Amino acid sequence: MKFRIFNNKAAVLGCGPAGLFAVHGLRDRGYDVTIYSKARKSDMYGAQYLHAPIDGLSPIDEEPLKVRYSLVGTASGYRDKVYGSIPVKVSPEALDMEHLSWDIRSAYDYAWKLYGDDVVDTLISPEWMRSGELDRYGLVVSSVPLPTLCAAREDHLFHATSIWAMGDAPRRGQYAPFRPEPGTVICDGTRDRGWYRASNLYGHVTVEWPQSRKPPLPGIAEVAKPIYSTCDCYAHGKFRFVKVGRYGVWSKGVLSHQAYTTAESL
């Protein structure tokens, strides 16, 4: 039996996939949840996927897709191409070269149907965080990008690498410049190609380039890839503060389904 023995009021900040997956986990645990965010469903571009199904959101009859990674060149060359001298573990080292995946879009679509109407339209900022609005909650779970909430930007570090990405966005009439084989992710650690990763998953393609190798393509977007942060705002506030999602935690290697498993364990 799942139950809470103290203040069961929880606030979730953000209504993207990580935010709503956290809502789902908290309501599974019996929390009374309020969602604060701009009341807008997130657009999802390119090749994204779940590393594990989410109970109650991933269709029970969904067949997982086998994702096949391939590495051209070396993992160290790939790391240098993307991160320079930063000593991080990259995908060819951290992930099995073949593993199962589940459709993140279908899970998020269903989560939005369940919880989208419950979003309280809110502009979240450090000032709003200090307004007292959250004082009645015993737990606050945030998927909002951590720099947005930081109340001490002059003292806290947000380390990230910027890259260029172009992915399929059918509503915009935009598609990636080439298409790898379905179900594949190609990591390139050589100097021969400008791009470092190309993927084709669930019919959506993304191609990514290092910051120093921006291609002359219309519709290309600059994306920050979080690595780590020293921000500890709200860690000692009136409520328990938990960060979920890669941008909410501002850390490399955080996976979308972990927003659900984290919330489900609180």
C-alpha atoms as a PDB file:
ATOM      1  CA  MET A   1       0.000   0.000   0.000  1.00  0.00           C
ATOM      2  CA  LYS A   2       1.278   3.457  -0.895  1.00  0.00           C
ATOM      3  CA  PHE A   3       0.627   6.227   1.596  1.00  0.00           C
ATOM      4  CA  ARG A   4       2.064   9.405   3.126  1.00  0.00           C
ATOM      5  CA  ILE A   5       2.262  10.052   6.871  1.00  0.00           C
ATOM      6  CA  PHE A   6       3.077  13.791   6.765  1.00  0.00           C
ATOM      7  CA  ASN A   7       2.184  16.836   4.637  1.00  0.00           C
ATOM      8  CA  ASN A   8       1.055  15.187   1.402  1.00  0.00           C
ATOM      9  CA  LYS A   9       0.794  18.396  -0.590  1.00  0.00           C
ATOM     10  CA  ALA A  10       3.364  18.518  -3.393  1.00  0.00           C
ATOM     11  CA  ALA A  11       4.108  21.116  -6.057  1.00  0.00           C
ATOM     12  CA  VAL A  12       5.672  20.206  -9.389  1.00  0.00           C
ATOM     13  CA  LEU A  13       7.407  22.959 -11.356  1.00  0.00           C
ATOM     14  CA  GLY A  14       7.368  22.493 -15.131  1.00  0.00           C
ATOM     15  CA  CYS A  15       5.018  20.575 -17.410  1.00  0.00           C
ATOM     16  CA  GLY A  16       7.417  19.077 -19.944  1.00  0.00           C
ATOM     17  CA  PRO A  17       7.995  15.321 -20.030  1.00  0.00           C
ATOM     18  CA  ALA A  18      10.123  15.236 -16.860  1.00  0.00           C
ATOM     19  CA  GLY A  19       7.623  17.391 -14.970  1.00  0.00           C
ATOM     20  CA  LEU A  20       4.551  15.357 -15.903  1.00  0.00           C
ATOM     21  CA  PHE A  21       6.344  12.048 -15.390  1.00  0.00           C
ATOM     22  CA  ALA A  22       7.119  13.291 -11.868  1.00  0.00           C
ATOM     23  CA  VAL A  23       3.455  14.269 -11.383  1.00  0.00           C
ATOM     24  CA  HIS A  24       2.464  10.751 -12.379  1.00  0.00           C
ATOM     25  CA  GLY A  25       4.861   9.199  -9.885  1.00  0.00           C
ATOM     26  CA  LEU A  26       3.764  11.488  -7.046  1.00  0.00           C
ATOM     27  CA  ARG A  27       0.070  10.847  -7.617  1.00  0.00           C
ATOM     28  CA  ASP A  28       0.871   7.140  -7.640  1.00  0.00           C
ATOM     29  CA  ARG A  29       2.286   7.706  -4.151  1.00  0.00           C
ATOM     30  CA  GLY A  30      -0.843   9.448  -2.944  1.00  0.00           C
ATOM     31  CA  TYR A  31       0.375  13.038  -3.024  1.00  0.00           C
ATOM     32  CA  ASP A  32      -2.020  15.930  -3.612  1.00  0.00           C
ATOM     33  CA  VAL A  33      -0.155  17.566  -6.510  1.00  0.00           C
ATOM     34  CA  THR A  34      -0.349  21.084  -7.952  1.00  0.00           C
ATOM     35  CA  ILE A  35       1.501  21.800 -11.212  1.00  0.00           C
ATOM     36  CA  TYR A  36       3.025  25.251 -11.794  1.00  0.00           C
ATOM     37  CA  SER A  37       4.314  26.114 -15.256  1.00  0.00           C
ATOM     38  CA  LYS A  38       3.639  28.036 -18.387  1.00  0.00           C
ATOM     39  CA  ALA A  39       0.490  26.185 -19.460  1.00  0.00           C
ATOM     40  CA  ARG A  40       1.904  24.959 -22.737  1.00  0.00           C
ATOM     41  CA  LYS A  41       2.691  21.473 -23.933  1.00  0.00           C
ATOM     42  CA  SER A  42       6.369  21.118 -24.785  1.00  0.00           C
ATOM     43  CA  ASP A  43       7.425  20.647 -28.386  1.00  0.00           C
ATOM     44  CA  MET A  44       9.676  17.624 -28.815  1.00  0.00           C
ATOM     45  CA  TYR A  45      12.167  17.660 -31.647  1.00  0.00           C
ATOM     46  CA  GLY A  46      14.418  15.003 -33.016  1.00  0.00           C
ATOM     47  CA  ALA A  47      15.293  11.529 -31.814  1.00  0.00           C
ATOM     48  CA  GLN A  48      14.409  11.136 -28.147  1.00  0.00           C
ATOM     49  CA  TYR A  49      13.397   8.014 -26.281  1.00  0.00           C
ATOM     50  CA  LEU A  50      12.849   6.413 -22.888  1.00  0.00           C
ATOM     51  CA  HIS A  51      15.338   3.940 -21.460  1.00  0.00           C
ATOM     52  CA  ALA A  52      12.534   2.272 -19.475  1.00  0.00           C
ATOM     53  CA  PRO A  53       8.734   2.218 -19.751  1.00  0.00           C
ATOM     54  CA  ILE A  54       6.656   4.311 -17.377  1.00  0.00           C
ATOM     55  CA  ASP A  55       3.927   2.405 -15.587  1.00  0.00           C
ATOM     56  CA  GLY A  56       0.522   3.723 -16.593  1.00  0.00           C
ATOM     57  CA  LEU A  57       1.854   5.975 -19.361  1.00  0.00           C
ATOM     58  CA  SER A  58       3.717   3.644 -21.714  1.00  0.00           C
ATOM     59  CA  PRO A  59       1.152   1.430 -23.509  1.00  0.00           C
ATOM     60  CA  ILE A  60       1.212  -2.086 -22.052  1.00  0.00           C
ATOM     61  CA  ASP A  61       1.190  -3.571 -25.562  1.00  0.00           C
ATOM     62  CA  GLU A  62       4.057  -1.372 -26.795  1.00  0.00           C
ATOM     63  CA  GLU A  63       6.887  -3.354 -28.276  1.00  0.00           C
ATOM     64  CA  PRO A  64      10.230  -1.788 -27.276  1.00  0.00           C
ATOM     65  CA  LEU A  65      12.511  -0.638 -30.049  1.00  0.00           C
ATOM     66  CA  LYS A  66      16.062  -1.963 -30.103  1.00  0.00           C
ATOM     67  CA  VAL A  67      18.469   0.963 -30.360  1.00  0.00           C
ATOM     68  CA  ARG A  68      21.781   0.203 -32.017  1.00  0.00           C
ATOM     69  CA  TYR A  69      24.730   2.511 -31.330  1.00  0.00           C
ATOM     70  CA  SER A  70      27.781   2.516 -33.551  1.00  0.00           C
ATOM     71  CA  LEU A  71      31.050   4.360 -33.015  1.00  0.00           C
ATOM     72  CA  VAL A  72      33.216   5.660 -35.837  1.00  0.00           C
ATOM     73  CA  GLY A  73      36.676   6.474 -34.562  1.00  0.00           C
ATOM     74  CA  THR A  74      37.323   6.355 -30.814  1.00  0.00           C
ATOM     75  CA  ALA A  75      35.405   7.303 -27.675  1.00  0.00           C
ATOM     76  CA  SER A  76      38.213   9.682 -26.688  1.00  0.00           C
ATOM     77  CA  GLY A  77      38.009  11.318 -30.119  1.00  0.00           C
ATOM     78  CA  TYR A  78      34.252  11.678 -29.683  1.00  0.00           C
ATOM     79  CA  ARG A  79      34.736  13.245 -26.247  1.00  0.00           C
ATOM     80  CA  ASP A  80      37.326  15.694 -27.558  1.00  0.00           C
ATOM     81  CA  LYS A  81      35.085  16.609 -30.478  1.00  0.00           C
ATOM     82  CA  VAL A  82      32.115  17.456 -28.252  1.00  0.00           C
ATOM     83  CA  TYR A  83      33.524  18.417 -24.841  1.00  0.00           C
ATOM     84  CA  GLY A  84      37.148  19.329 -25.457  1.00  0.00           C
ATOM     85  CA  SER A  85      39.261  18.685 -22.374  1.00  0.00           C
ATOM     86  CA  ILE A  86      36.308  18.195 -20.003  1.00  0.00           C
ATOM     87  CA  PRO A  87      36.656  14.699 -18.448  1.00  0.00           C
ATOM     88  CA  VAL A  88      33.121  13.343 -18.886  1.00  0.00           C
ATOM     89  CA  LYS A  89      31.834   9.881 -19.755  1.00  0.00           C
ATOM     90  CA  VAL A  90      30.268   9.937 -23.220  1.00  0.00           C
ATOM     91  CA  SER A  91      27.488   7.814 -24.728  1.00  0.00           C
ATOM     92  CA  PRO A  92      29.760   5.216 -26.410  1.00  0.00           C
ATOM     93  CA  GLU A  93      31.251   4.514 -22.958  1.00  0.00           C
ATOM     94  CA  ALA A  94      28.153   4.892 -20.759  1.00  0.00           C
ATOM     95  CA  LEU A  95      25.528   3.013 -22.791  1.00  0.00           C
ATOM     96  CA  ASP A  96      25.274  -0.534 -24.063  1.00  0.00           C
ATOM     97  CA  MET A  97      25.779  -0.400 -27.810  1.00  0.00           C
ATOM     98  CA  GLU A  98      22.461  -2.258 -28.168  1.00  0.00           C
ATOM     99  CA  HIS A  99      19.610  -1.684 -25.758  1.00  0.00           C
ATOM    100  CA  LEU A 100      15.834  -1.432 -25.666  1.00  0.00           C
ATOM    101  CA  SER A 101      13.907   1.834 -25.797  1.00  0.00           C
ATOM    102  CA  TRP A 102      10.326   3.035 -25.397  1.00  0.00           C
ATOM    103  CA  ASP A 103       8.491   5.897 -27.093  1.00  0.00           C
ATOM    104  CA  ILE A 104       8.778   9.083 -25.030  1.00  0.00           C
ATOM    105  CA  ARG A 105       6.294  10.977 -27.203  1.00  0.00           C
ATOM    106  CA  SER A 106       3.429   8.573 -26.636  1.00  0.00           C
ATOM    107  CA  ALA A 107       4.100   8.563 -22.877  1.00  0.00           C
ATOM    108  CA  TYR A 108       4.179  12.361 -22.762  1.00  0.00           C
ATOM    109  CA  ASP A 109       1.080  12.670 -24.939  1.00  0.00           C
ATOM    110  CA  TYR A 110      -0.849  10.478 -22.503  1.00  0.00           C
ATOM    111  CA  ALA A 111       0.561  12.336 -19.486  1.00  0.00           C
ATOM    112  CA  TRP A 112      -0.616  15.607 -21.043  1.00  0.00           C
ATOM    113  CA  LYS A 113      -4.115  14.183 -21.551  1.00  0.00           C
ATOM    114  CA  LEU A 114      -4.183  13.182 -17.893  1.00  0.00           C
ATOM    115  CA  TYR A 115      -2.622  16.269 -16.315  1.00  0.00           C
ATOM    116  CA  GLY A 116      -2.397  19.085 -18.883  1.00  0.00           C
ATOM    117  CA  ASP A 117      -5.630  20.731 -17.752  1.00  0.00           C
ATOM    118  CA  ASP A 118      -4.320  20.862 -14.180  1.00  0.00           C
ATOM    119  CA  VAL A 119      -1.387  23.168 -14.967  1.00  0.00           C
ATOM    120  CA  VAL A 120      -1.562  26.498 -13.122  1.00  0.00           C
ATOM    121  CA  ASP A 121      -0.244  29.028 -15.650  1.00  0.00           C
ATOM    122  CA  THR A 122       2.746  30.562 -13.874  1.00  0.00           C
ATOM    123  CA  LEU A 123       5.902  32.475 -14.717  1.00  0.00           C
ATOM    124  CA  ILE A 124       8.418  30.775 -12.451  1.00  0.00           C
ATOM    125  CA  SER A 125      11.359  32.910 -11.287  1.00  0.00           C
ATOM    126  CA  PRO A 126      13.515  33.339  -8.181  1.00  0.00           C
ATOM    127  CA  GLU A 127      11.168  36.140  -7.109  1.00  0.00           C
ATOM    128  CA  TRP A 128       8.151  33.842  -7.438  1.00  0.00           C
ATOM    129  CA  MET A 129       9.992  31.122  -5.502  1.00  0.00           C
ATOM    130  CA  ARG A 130      10.407  33.620  -2.633  1.00  0.00           C
ATOM    131  CA  SER A 131       6.796  34.851  -2.809  1.00  0.00           C
ATOM    132  CA  GLY A 132       5.475  32.344  -0.266  1.00  0.00           C
ATOM    133  CA  GLU A 133       3.329  30.527  -2.830  1.00  0.00           C
ATOM    134  CA  LEU A 134       5.126  27.261  -2.100  1.00  0.00           C
ATOM    135  CA  ASP A 135       5.198  27.487   1.690  1.00  0.00           C
ATOM    136  CA  ARG A 136       2.132  25.264   2.135  1.00  0.00           C
ATOM    137  CA  TYR A 137       3.774  22.319   0.385  1.00  0.00           C
ATOM    138  CA  GLY A 138       5.837  19.665   2.107  1.00  0.00           C
ATOM    139  CA  LEU A 139       7.546  18.751  -1.165  1.00  0.00           C
ATOM    140  CA  VAL A 140       8.508  20.702  -4.291  1.00  0.00           C
ATOM    141  CA  VAL A 141       9.744  18.781  -7.349  1.00  0.00           C
ATOM    142  CA  SER A 142      11.284  20.937 -10.068  1.00  0.00           C
ATOM    143  CA  SER A 143      11.996  20.108 -13.705  1.00  0.00           C
ATOM    144  CA  VAL A 144      12.503  23.783 -14.594  1.00  0.00           C
ATOM    145  CA  PRO A 145      16.014  24.534 -15.956  1.00  0.00           C
ATOM    146  CA  LEU A 146      18.067  25.183 -12.850  1.00  0.00           C
ATOM    147  CA  PRO A 147      19.531  28.538 -13.988  1.00  0.00           C
ATOM    148  CA  THR A 148      15.967  29.892 -14.233  1.00  0.00           C
ATOM    149  CA  LEU A 149      15.472  29.321 -10.502  1.00  0.00           C
ATOM    150  CA  CYS A 150      18.924  30.254  -9.237  1.00  0.00           C
ATOM    151  CA  ALA A 151      18.825  33.130  -6.757  1.00  0.00           C
ATOM    152  CA  ALA A 152      22.614  33.543  -6.665  1.00  0.00           C
ATOM    153  CA  ARG A 153      23.810  33.431 -10.266  1.00  0.00           C
ATOM    154  CA  GLU A 154      26.890  35.495  -9.405  1.00  0.00           C
ATOM    155  CA  ASP A 155      28.035  32.803  -6.955  1.00  0.00           C
ATOM    156  CA  HIS A 156      26.848  29.555  -8.549  1.00  0.00           C
ATOM    157  CA  LEU A 157      28.407  27.795 -11.509  1.00  0.00           C
ATOM    158  CA  PHE A 158      26.438  26.339 -14.420  1.00  0.00           C
ATOM    159  CA  HIS A 159      28.827  24.392 -16.586  1.00  0.00           C
ATOM    160  CA  ALA A 160      27.596  23.332 -20.016  1.00  0.00           C
ATOM    161  CA  THR A 161      28.769  22.699 -23.554  1.00  0.00           C
ATOM    162  CA  SER A 162      26.944  24.358 -26.432  1.00  0.00           C
ATOM    163  CA  ILE A 163      26.287  22.387 -29.597  1.00  0.00           C
ATOM    164  CA  TRP A 164      24.315  22.861 -32.806  1.00  0.00           C
ATOM    165  CA  ALA A 165      21.401  20.571 -33.559  1.00  0.00           C
ATOM    166  CA  MET A 166      18.882  20.097 -36.315  1.00  0.00           C
ATOM    167  CA  GLY A 167      16.047  17.648 -35.944  1.00  0.00           C
ATOM    168  CA  ASP A 168      12.796  16.729 -37.574  1.00  0.00           C
ATOM    169  CA  ALA A 169      10.059  19.260 -36.833  1.00  0.00           C
ATOM    170  CA  PRO A 170       7.234  18.323 -39.223  1.00  0.00           C
ATOM    171  CA  ARG A 171       4.925  21.106 -38.027  1.00  0.00           C
ATOM    172  CA  ARG A 172       7.588  23.581 -39.132  1.00  0.00           C
ATOM    173  CA  GLY A 173       8.288  21.745 -42.351  1.00  0.00           C
ATOM    174  CA  GLN A 174      11.821  21.099 -41.109  1.00  0.00           C
ATOM    175  CA  TYR A 175      13.763  17.861 -41.438  1.00  0.00           C
ATOM    176  CA  ALA A 176      17.316  16.815 -40.650  1.00  0.00           C
ATOM    177  CA  PRO A 177      19.756  17.023 -43.592  1.00  0.00           C
ATOM    178  CA  PHE A 178      20.231  13.236 -43.877  1.00  0.00           C
ATOM    179  CA  ARG A 179      18.678  10.115 -42.415  1.00  0.00           C
ATOM    180  CA  PRO A 180      20.578   7.277 -40.743  1.00  0.00           C
ATOM    181  CA  GLU A 181      19.076   3.800 -40.719  1.00  0.00           C
ATOM    182  CA  PRO A 182      15.989   3.499 -38.475  1.00  0.00           C
ATOM    183  CA  GLY A 183      16.757   2.488 -34.913  1.00  0.00           C
ATOM    184  CA  THR A 184      20.367   3.656 -35.049  1.00  0.00           C
ATOM    185  CA  VAL A 185      22.571   6.217 -33.340  1.00  0.00           C
ATOM    186  CA  ILE A 186      25.915   6.969 -35.016  1.00  0.00           C
ATOM    187  CA  CYS A 187      28.639   8.550 -32.868  1.00  0.00           C
ATOM    188  CA  ASP A 188      31.539  10.001 -34.815  1.00  0.00           C
ATOM    189  CA  GLY A 189      34.872  10.541 -33.090  1.00  0.00           C
ATOM    190  CA  THR A 190      36.873  11.384 -36.178  1.00  0.00           C
ATOM    191  CA  ARG A 191      37.977  14.618 -37.791  1.00  0.00           C
ATOM    192  CA  ASP A 192      36.515  13.551 -41.127  1.00  0.00           C
ATOM    193  CA  ARG A 193      32.930  14.636 -40.442  1.00  0.00           C
ATOM    194  CA  GLY A 194      31.700  17.909 -39.022  1.00  0.00           C
ATOM    195  CA  TRP A 195      28.839  16.324 -37.063  1.00  0.00           C
ATOM    196  CA  TYR A 196      29.406  14.133 -34.017  1.00  0.00           C
ATOM    197  CA  ARG A 197      26.081  12.310 -33.623  1.00  0.00           C
ATOM    198  CA  ALA A 198      23.201  11.355 -35.913  1.00  0.00           C
ATOM    199  CA  SER A 199      20.188   9.323 -34.841  1.00  0.00           C
ATOM    200  CA  ASN A 200      16.937   8.001 -36.260  1.00  0.00           C
ATOM    201  CA  LEU A 201      14.537   6.757 -33.590  1.00  0.00           C
ATOM    202  CA  TYR A 202      10.771   6.320 -33.786  1.00  0.00           C
ATOM    203  CA  GLY A 203      10.829   8.027 -37.183  1.00  0.00           C
ATOM    204  CA  HIS A 204      12.495  11.197 -35.879  1.00  0.00           C
ATOM    205  CA  VAL A 205      16.016  12.207 -36.873  1.00  0.00           C
ATOM    206  CA  THR A 206      18.492  14.508 -35.166  1.00  0.00           C
ATOM    207  CA  VAL A 207      21.988  15.518 -36.295  1.00  0.00           C
ATOM    208  CA  GLU A 208      24.328  17.342 -33.912  1.00  0.00           C
ATOM    209  CA  TRP A 209      27.525  19.347 -34.501  1.00  0.00           C
ATOM    210  CA  PRO A 210      30.174  20.678 -32.095  1.00  0.00           C
ATOM    211  CA  GLN A 211      30.064  24.368 -31.255  1.00  0.00           C
ATOM    212  CA  SER A 212      33.117  25.022 -33.445  1.00  0.00           C
ATOM    213  CA  ARG A 213      31.612  23.413 -36.559  1.00  0.00           C
ATOM    214  CA  LYS A 214      28.305  25.147 -37.192  1.00  0.00           C
ATOM    215  CA  PRO A 215      26.992  24.139 -40.632  1.00  0.00           C
ATOM    216  CA  PRO A 216      25.285  26.703 -42.888  1.00  0.00           C
ATOM    217  CA  LEU A 217      21.793  25.220 -42.515  1.00  0.00           C
ATOM    218  CA  PRO A 218      18.541  27.126 -41.978  1.00  0.00           C
ATOM    219  CA  GLY A 219      16.646  26.130 -38.863  1.00  0.00           C
ATOM    220  CA  ILE A 220      19.666  24.924 -36.923  1.00  0.00           C
ATOM    221  CA  ALA A 221      19.465  25.564 -33.176  1.00  0.00           C
ATOM    222  CA  GLU A 222      22.073  26.174 -30.492  1.00  0.00           C
ATOM    223  CA  VAL A 223      21.537  23.848 -27.544  1.00  0.00           C
ATOM    224  CA  ALA A 224      23.181  23.838 -24.112  1.00  0.00           C
ATOM    225  CA  LYS A 225      24.241  20.386 -22.904  1.00  0.00           C
ATOM    226  CA  PRO A 226      24.360  20.629 -19.078  1.00  0.00           C
ATOM    227  CA  ILE A 227      27.333  19.031 -17.343  1.00  0.00           C
ATOM    228  CA  TYR A 228      27.130  20.119 -13.698  1.00  0.00           C
ATOM    229  CA  SER A 229      26.202  22.983 -11.387  1.00  0.00           C
ATOM    230  CA  THR A 230      27.106  24.154  -7.909  1.00  0.00           C
ATOM    231  CA  CYS A 231      23.653  25.700  -7.341  1.00  0.00           C
ATOM    232  CA  ASP A 232      22.141  24.683  -4.005  1.00  0.00           C
ATOM    233  CA  CYS A 233      19.308  27.220  -3.864  1.00  0.00           C
ATOM    234  CA  TYR A 234      16.267  26.013  -1.871  1.00  0.00           C
ATOM    235  CA  ALA A 235      18.192  23.053  -0.452  1.00  0.00           C
ATOM    236  CA  HIS A 236      17.544  24.367   3.058  1.00  0.00           C
ATOM    237  CA  GLY A 237      14.171  26.070   2.589  1.00  0.00           C
ATOM    238  CA  LYS A 238      10.757  25.550   4.152  1.00  0.00           C
ATOM    239  CA  PHE A 239       9.994  22.596   1.869  1.00  0.00           C
ATOM    240  CA  ARG A 240      11.858  19.554   0.632  1.00  0.00           C
ATOM    241  CA  PHE A 241      13.241  20.455  -2.805  1.00  0.00           C
ATOM    242  CA  VAL A 242      13.924  17.708  -5.375  1.00  0.00           C
ATOM    243  CA  LYS A 243      15.278  18.296  -8.884  1.00  0.00           C
ATOM    244  CA  VAL A 244      14.398  16.025 -11.821  1.00  0.00           C
ATOM    245  CA  GLY A 245      15.130  15.946 -15.548  1.00  0.00           C
ATOM    246  CA  ARG A 246      18.468  16.762 -17.122  1.00  0.00           C
ATOM    247  CA  TYR A 247      17.869  20.521 -17.163  1.00  0.00           C
ATOM    248  CA  GLY A 248      16.234  20.528 -13.751  1.00  0.00           C
ATOM    249  CA  VAL A 249      19.246  18.780 -12.236  1.00  0.00           C
ATOM    250  CA  TRP A 250      21.632  20.507 -14.679  1.00  0.00           C
ATOM    251  CA  SER A 251      23.708  17.376 -14.964  1.00  0.00           C
ATOM    252  CA  LYS A 252      24.878  15.098 -17.741  1.00  0.00           C
ATOM    253  CA  GLY A 253      23.468  11.561 -17.814  1.00  0.00           C
ATOM    254  CA  VAL A 254      20.046  12.227 -16.258  1.00  0.00           C
ATOM    255  CA  LEU A 255      17.363  10.239 -18.112  1.00  0.00           C
ATOM    256  CA  SER A 256      13.712  11.241 -18.597  1.00  0.00           C
ATOM    257  CA  HIS A 257      12.166   8.135 -17.012  1.00  0.00           C
ATOM    258  CA  GLN A 258      14.128   8.844 -13.825  1.00  0.00           C
ATOM    259  CA  ALA A 259      11.770  11.754 -13.123  1.00  0.00           C
ATOM    260  CA  TYR A 260       9.047   9.138 -12.633  1.00  0.00           C
ATOM    261  CA  THR A 261      11.139   6.671 -10.626  1.00  0.00           C
ATOM    262  CA  THR A 262      12.500   9.440  -8.416  1.00  0.00           C
ATOM    263  CA  ALA A 263       9.024  10.825  -7.680  1.00  0.00           C
ATOM    264  CA  GLU A 264       7.611   7.343  -7.194  1.00  0.00           C
ATOM    265  CA  SER A 265      10.173   6.702  -4.472  1.00  0.00           C
ATOM    266  CA  LEU A 266       9.499   9.892  -2.458  1.00  0.00           C
END
